[in-house]
Amino acid sequence: MSRPVPSRLPDDAALQQLHAQAVSQLSPATLARLRAARHASQRPRHHGWWLATAASLVVALGLGISFTAHPPLAPPVQVAATLADDSDALLDENPDMYVWLGATDLAME
């Protein structure tokens, strides 16, 4: 039958020996299935990249055509309303404000 596996394997040689022992106990049909599965997983899969590239190309072309067929409209020009200049009233000095600031500690903060 098989020998017991030691509790501690000292190096790679022991692991290689155990692997060789395990492989020798497999049937040829199982080995063939494992070999086929290993080779199937190593095949390059380029179809996913081609699909992503083609999809991005189609989207880019669609956007380019839609922008050339229907260019975006320029924003409407806004006419500046001429209103009376009320900024003079805002800039008038109020002496009471300075008296209030001097009476409180807010001016020093």
N, C-alpha and C. Protein backbone atom coordinates (compact mmCIF):
# COMPACT_ATOMS: atom_id res chain seq x y z
N MET A 1 0.84 -1.17 0.00
CA MET A 1 0.00 0.00 0.00
C MET A 1 0.89 1.23 0.00
N SER A 2 0.52 2.28 0.69
CA SER A 2 1.37 3.47 0.71
C SER A 2 1.98 3.63 2.09
N ARG A 3 3.11 4.24 2.10
CA ARG A 3 3.77 4.46 3.37
C ARG A 3 3.19 5.69 4.05
N PRO A 4 3.24 5.80 5.35
CA PRO A 4 2.69 6.98 6.04
C PRO A 4 3.52 8.21 5.76
N VAL A 5 2.85 9.34 5.69
CA VAL A 5 3.52 10.61 5.43
C VAL A 5 4.13 11.10 6.74
N PRO A 6 5.41 11.44 6.73
CA PRO A 6 6.03 11.94 7.96
C PRO A 6 5.40 13.27 8.37
N SER A 7 5.44 13.57 9.66
CA SER A 7 4.79 14.78 10.16
C SER A 7 5.51 16.03 9.68
N ARG A 8 6.81 15.98 9.53
CA ARG A 8 7.57 17.13 9.02
C ARG A 8 8.38 16.68 7.81
N LEU A 9 8.23 17.40 6.72
CA LEU A 9 8.99 17.09 5.52
C LEU A 9 10.24 17.97 5.52
N PRO A 10 11.40 17.38 5.43
CA PRO A 10 12.61 18.19 5.57
C PRO A 10 12.91 19.11 4.39
N ASP A 11 12.64 18.70 3.17
CA ASP A 11 13.01 19.55 2.04
C ASP A 11 12.19 19.22 0.81
N ASP A 12 12.57 19.80 -0.31
CA ASP A 12 11.85 19.59 -1.56
C ASP A 12 11.98 18.16 -2.07
N ALA A 13 13.07 17.50 -1.75
CA ALA A 13 13.25 16.14 -2.23
C ALA A 13 12.16 15.23 -1.69
N ALA A 14 11.79 15.42 -0.44
CA ALA A 14 10.73 14.60 0.14
C ALA A 14 9.39 14.90 -0.53
N LEU A 15 9.14 16.17 -0.83
CA LEU A 15 7.90 16.54 -1.53
C LEU A 15 7.88 15.96 -2.94
N GLN A 16 9.00 15.98 -3.62
CA GLN A 16 9.05 15.42 -4.97
C GLN A 16 8.83 13.90 -4.93
N GLN A 17 9.35 13.28 -3.92
CA GLN A 17 9.15 11.84 -3.77
C GLN A 17 7.68 11.52 -3.52
N LEU A 18 7.03 12.29 -2.66
CA LEU A 18 5.62 12.07 -2.41
C LEU A 18 4.77 12.32 -3.65
N HIS A 19 5.15 13.34 -4.42
CA HIS A 19 4.42 13.64 -5.66
C HIS A 19 4.57 12.50 -6.65
N ALA A 20 5.78 12.01 -6.79
CA ALA A 20 6.01 10.90 -7.72
C ALA A 20 5.24 9.66 -7.29
N GLN A 21 5.19 9.42 -6.00
CA GLN A 21 4.43 8.28 -5.49
C GLN A 21 2.93 8.44 -5.78
N ALA A 22 2.40 9.66 -5.61
CA ALA A 22 0.99 9.91 -5.86
C ALA A 22 0.66 9.78 -7.34
N VAL A 23 1.54 10.28 -8.19
CA VAL A 23 1.31 10.21 -9.63
C VAL A 23 1.36 8.75 -10.10
N SER A 24 2.22 7.95 -9.51
CA SER A 24 2.32 6.55 -9.93
C SER A 24 1.06 5.76 -9.56
N GLN A 25 0.29 6.25 -8.63
CA GLN A 25 -0.92 5.53 -8.22
C GLN A 25 -2.15 5.95 -9.02
N LEU A 26 -2.04 6.98 -9.86
CA LEU A 26 -3.18 7.42 -10.67
C LEU A 26 -3.33 6.55 -11.90
N SER A 27 -4.55 6.40 -12.34
CA SER A 27 -4.80 5.62 -13.55
C SER A 27 -4.44 6.45 -14.78
N PRO A 28 -4.15 5.81 -15.89
CA PRO A 28 -3.81 6.54 -17.12
C PRO A 28 -4.96 7.44 -17.60
N ALA A 29 -6.19 7.03 -17.38
CA ALA A 29 -7.32 7.86 -17.82
C ALA A 29 -7.38 9.15 -17.00
N THR A 30 -7.12 9.05 -15.71
CA THR A 30 -7.12 10.25 -14.85
C THR A 30 -5.98 11.17 -15.24
N LEU A 31 -4.81 10.60 -15.50
CA LEU A 31 -3.67 11.42 -15.93
C LEU A 31 -3.98 12.14 -17.24
N ALA A 32 -4.65 11.44 -18.16
CA ALA A 32 -5.00 12.06 -19.44
C ALA A 32 -5.98 13.21 -19.24
N ARG A 33 -6.96 13.03 -18.35
CA ARG A 33 -7.92 14.12 -18.08
C ARG A 33 -7.22 15.31 -17.43
N LEU A 34 -6.32 15.04 -16.49
CA LEU A 34 -5.58 16.14 -15.84
C LEU A 34 -4.70 16.88 -16.83
N ARG A 35 -4.03 16.13 -17.72
CA ARG A 35 -3.17 16.75 -18.73
C ARG A 35 -4.00 17.61 -19.69
N ALA A 36 -5.18 17.12 -20.09
CA ALA A 36 -6.04 17.89 -21.00
C ALA A 36 -6.56 19.15 -20.31
N ALA A 37 -6.91 19.04 -19.04
CA ALA A 37 -7.38 20.23 -18.31
C ALA A 37 -6.27 21.25 -18.15
N ARG A 38 -5.04 20.79 -17.91
CA ARG A 38 -3.91 21.72 -17.77
C ARG A 38 -3.62 22.44 -19.09
N HIS A 39 -3.66 21.70 -20.18
CA HIS A 39 -3.40 22.34 -21.48
C HIS A 39 -4.54 23.26 -21.90
N ALA A 40 -5.76 22.93 -21.52
CA ALA A 40 -6.90 23.79 -21.87
C ALA A 40 -6.84 25.11 -21.11
N SER A 41 -6.33 25.09 -19.89
CA SER A 41 -6.26 26.32 -19.11
C SER A 41 -5.10 27.20 -19.54
N GLN A 42 -4.13 26.65 -20.27
CA GLN A 42 -2.96 27.43 -20.69
C GLN A 42 -3.14 28.08 -22.06
N ARG A 43 -4.24 27.80 -22.74
CA ARG A 43 -4.48 28.42 -24.04
C ARG A 43 -4.73 29.91 -23.88
N PRO A 44 -4.13 30.73 -24.72
CA PRO A 44 -4.40 32.18 -24.62
C PRO A 44 -5.83 32.49 -25.05
N ARG A 45 -6.42 33.44 -24.38
CA ARG A 45 -7.80 33.82 -24.68
C ARG A 45 -7.80 35.28 -25.13
N HIS A 46 -7.69 35.45 -26.42
CA HIS A 46 -7.62 36.80 -26.99
C HIS A 46 -8.99 37.34 -27.37
N HIS A 47 -10.00 36.52 -27.42
CA HIS A 47 -11.31 36.99 -27.89
C HIS A 47 -11.90 38.04 -26.97
N GLY A 48 -11.60 38.01 -25.69
CA GLY A 48 -12.13 39.03 -24.77
C GLY A 48 -11.57 40.41 -25.07
N TRP A 49 -10.28 40.48 -25.38
CA TRP A 49 -9.66 41.78 -25.70
C TRP A 49 -10.18 42.31 -27.02
N TRP A 50 -10.37 41.43 -27.98
CA TRP A 50 -10.90 41.90 -29.27
C TRP A 50 -12.30 42.44 -29.12
N LEU A 51 -13.10 41.81 -28.31
CA LEU A 51 -14.47 42.26 -28.10
C LEU A 51 -14.49 43.63 -27.40
N ALA A 52 -13.66 43.81 -26.39
CA ALA A 52 -13.60 45.09 -25.69
C ALA A 52 -13.09 46.20 -26.61
N THR A 53 -12.10 45.89 -27.43
CA THR A 53 -11.56 46.89 -28.36
C THR A 53 -12.61 47.27 -29.40
N ALA A 54 -13.31 46.29 -29.93
CA ALA A 54 -14.33 46.57 -30.94
C ALA A 54 -15.48 47.37 -30.34
N ALA A 55 -15.88 47.06 -29.11
CA ALA A 55 -16.98 47.79 -28.48
C ALA A 55 -16.59 49.25 -28.22
N SER A 56 -15.36 49.48 -27.75
CA SER A 56 -14.93 50.87 -27.52
C SER A 56 -14.81 51.63 -28.84
N LEU A 57 -14.40 50.97 -29.90
CA LEU A 57 -14.32 51.62 -31.20
C LEU A 57 -15.71 52.01 -31.69
N VAL A 58 -16.69 51.14 -31.53
CA VAL A 58 -18.06 51.45 -31.96
C VAL A 58 -18.62 52.63 -31.17
N VAL A 59 -18.38 52.66 -29.86
CA VAL A 59 -18.87 53.77 -29.04
C VAL A 59 -18.20 55.08 -29.44
N ALA A 60 -16.89 55.06 -29.68
CA ALA A 60 -16.17 56.27 -30.08
C ALA A 60 -16.65 56.78 -31.44
N LEU A 61 -16.85 55.88 -32.37
CA LEU A 61 -17.36 56.29 -33.68
C LEU A 61 -18.77 56.85 -33.58
N GLY A 62 -19.60 56.22 -32.76
CA GLY A 62 -20.97 56.72 -32.59
C GLY A 62 -20.99 58.12 -31.99
N LEU A 63 -20.16 58.36 -30.99
CA LEU A 63 -20.10 59.71 -30.41
C LEU A 63 -19.55 60.73 -31.40
N GLY A 64 -18.52 60.33 -32.15
CA GLY A 64 -17.95 61.25 -33.13
C GLY A 64 -18.94 61.62 -34.21
N ILE A 65 -19.69 60.65 -34.69
CA ILE A 65 -20.68 60.93 -35.73
C ILE A 65 -21.82 61.78 -35.18
N SER A 66 -22.23 61.51 -33.94
CA SER A 66 -23.34 62.30 -33.38
C SER A 66 -22.92 63.75 -33.15
N PHE A 67 -21.66 63.98 -32.81
CA PHE A 67 -21.21 65.36 -32.61
C PHE A 67 -21.03 66.10 -33.93
N THR A 68 -20.65 65.40 -34.99
CA THR A 68 -20.49 66.08 -36.27
C THR A 68 -21.83 66.28 -36.97
N ALA A 69 -22.77 65.35 -36.76
CA ALA A 69 -24.08 65.48 -37.40
C ALA A 69 -24.93 66.55 -36.71
N HIS A 70 -24.85 66.62 -35.41
CA HIS A 70 -25.62 67.59 -34.63
C HIS A 70 -24.67 68.33 -33.69
N PRO A 71 -23.96 69.34 -34.19
CA PRO A 71 -23.02 70.03 -33.30
C PRO A 71 -23.77 70.72 -32.16
N PRO A 72 -23.16 70.81 -31.01
CA PRO A 72 -23.83 71.46 -29.89
C PRO A 72 -24.06 72.94 -30.18
N LEU A 73 -25.19 73.44 -29.74
CA LEU A 73 -25.53 74.84 -29.98
C LEU A 73 -24.73 75.73 -29.06
N ALA A 74 -24.41 76.92 -29.58
CA ALA A 74 -23.70 77.89 -28.76
C ALA A 74 -24.65 78.41 -27.69
N PRO A 75 -24.15 78.69 -26.52
CA PRO A 75 -25.04 79.22 -25.48
C PRO A 75 -25.58 80.58 -25.89
N PRO A 76 -26.82 80.86 -25.53
CA PRO A 76 -27.39 82.15 -25.93
C PRO A 76 -26.66 83.31 -25.25
N VAL A 77 -26.54 84.37 -26.01
CA VAL A 77 -25.87 85.56 -25.49
C VAL A 77 -26.83 86.27 -24.55
N GLN A 78 -26.37 86.52 -23.36
CA GLN A 78 -27.22 87.20 -22.40
C GLN A 78 -26.94 88.69 -22.45
N VAL A 79 -28.01 89.43 -22.56
CA VAL A 79 -27.89 90.88 -22.61
C VAL A 79 -27.83 91.39 -21.18
N ALA A 80 -26.80 92.15 -20.91
CA ALA A 80 -26.65 92.69 -19.55
C ALA A 80 -27.70 93.77 -19.33
N ALA A 81 -28.45 93.58 -18.27
CA ALA A 81 -29.49 94.57 -17.95
C ALA A 81 -28.82 95.80 -17.34
N THR A 82 -29.25 96.93 -17.83
CA THR A 82 -28.69 98.18 -17.29
C THR A 82 -29.60 98.63 -16.16
N LEU A 83 -29.13 98.44 -14.95
CA LEU A 83 -29.86 98.85 -13.77
C LEU A 83 -29.15 100.03 -13.13
N ALA A 84 -29.88 100.73 -12.34
CA ALA A 84 -29.28 101.86 -11.62
C ALA A 84 -28.23 101.31 -10.67
N ASP A 85 -27.13 102.00 -10.56
CA ASP A 85 -26.02 101.56 -9.73
C ASP A 85 -26.35 101.84 -8.26
N ASP A 86 -26.67 100.74 -7.53
CA ASP A 86 -27.02 100.88 -6.12
C ASP A 86 -25.82 100.66 -5.21
N SER A 87 -24.64 100.51 -5.77
CA SER A 87 -23.48 100.22 -4.93
C SER A 87 -23.06 101.42 -4.09
N ASP A 88 -23.45 102.62 -4.48
CA ASP A 88 -23.09 103.80 -3.68
C ASP A 88 -23.72 103.74 -2.29
N ALA A 89 -24.94 103.23 -2.21
CA ALA A 89 -25.61 103.16 -0.93
C ALA A 89 -24.94 102.13 -0.02
N LEU A 90 -24.36 101.09 -0.61
CA LEU A 90 -23.70 100.07 0.19
C LEU A 90 -22.37 100.55 0.73
N LEU A 91 -21.75 101.47 0.03
CA LEU A 91 -20.42 101.91 0.43
C LEU A 91 -20.43 103.12 1.37
N ASP A 92 -21.60 103.65 1.68
CA ASP A 92 -21.66 104.76 2.62
C ASP A 92 -21.18 104.30 3.98
N GLU A 93 -20.38 105.14 4.62
CA GLU A 93 -19.89 104.78 5.95
C GLU A 93 -20.91 105.14 7.00
N ASN A 94 -21.02 104.24 7.95
CA ASN A 94 -21.93 104.46 9.06
C ASN A 94 -21.07 104.64 10.32
N PRO A 95 -21.02 105.85 10.87
CA PRO A 95 -20.15 106.07 12.03
C PRO A 95 -20.60 105.28 13.26
N ASP A 96 -21.86 104.93 13.35
CA ASP A 96 -22.32 104.16 14.50
C ASP A 96 -21.68 102.77 14.54
N MET A 97 -21.38 102.23 13.36
CA MET A 97 -20.76 100.92 13.32
C MET A 97 -19.37 100.97 13.95
N TYR A 98 -18.61 102.03 13.70
CA TYR A 98 -17.27 102.14 14.26
C TYR A 98 -17.32 102.36 15.76
N VAL A 99 -18.32 103.07 16.24
CA VAL A 99 -18.48 103.25 17.67
C VAL A 99 -18.80 101.90 18.33
N TRP A 100 -19.65 101.15 17.69
CA TRP A 100 -20.01 99.84 18.24
C TRP A 100 -18.81 98.91 18.24
N LEU A 101 -18.01 98.90 17.15
CA LEU A 101 -16.82 98.04 17.09
C LEU A 101 -15.82 98.43 18.16
N GLY A 102 -15.67 99.73 18.42
CA GLY A 102 -14.74 100.17 19.45
C GLY A 102 -15.20 99.79 20.84
N ALA A 103 -16.50 99.67 21.08
CA ALA A 103 -17.02 99.37 22.40
C ALA A 103 -16.97 97.86 22.68
N THR A 104 -16.82 97.02 21.66
CA THR A 104 -16.78 95.57 21.89
C THR A 104 -15.40 95.04 21.58
N ASP A 105 -15.17 93.80 21.93
CA ASP A 105 -13.88 93.16 21.65
C ASP A 105 -13.88 92.43 20.32
N LEU A 106 -14.93 92.60 19.51
CA LEU A 106 -15.01 91.90 18.23
C LEU A 106 -13.96 92.38 17.26
N ALA A 107 -13.57 93.63 17.36
CA ALA A 107 -12.57 94.15 16.42
C ALA A 107 -11.21 93.52 16.65
N MET A 108 -10.95 93.02 17.84
CA MET A 108 -9.65 92.45 18.15
C MET A 108 -9.58 90.96 17.82
N GLU A 109 -10.68 90.33 17.49
CA GLU A 109 -10.65 88.88 17.20
C GLU A 109 -10.23 88.58 15.81
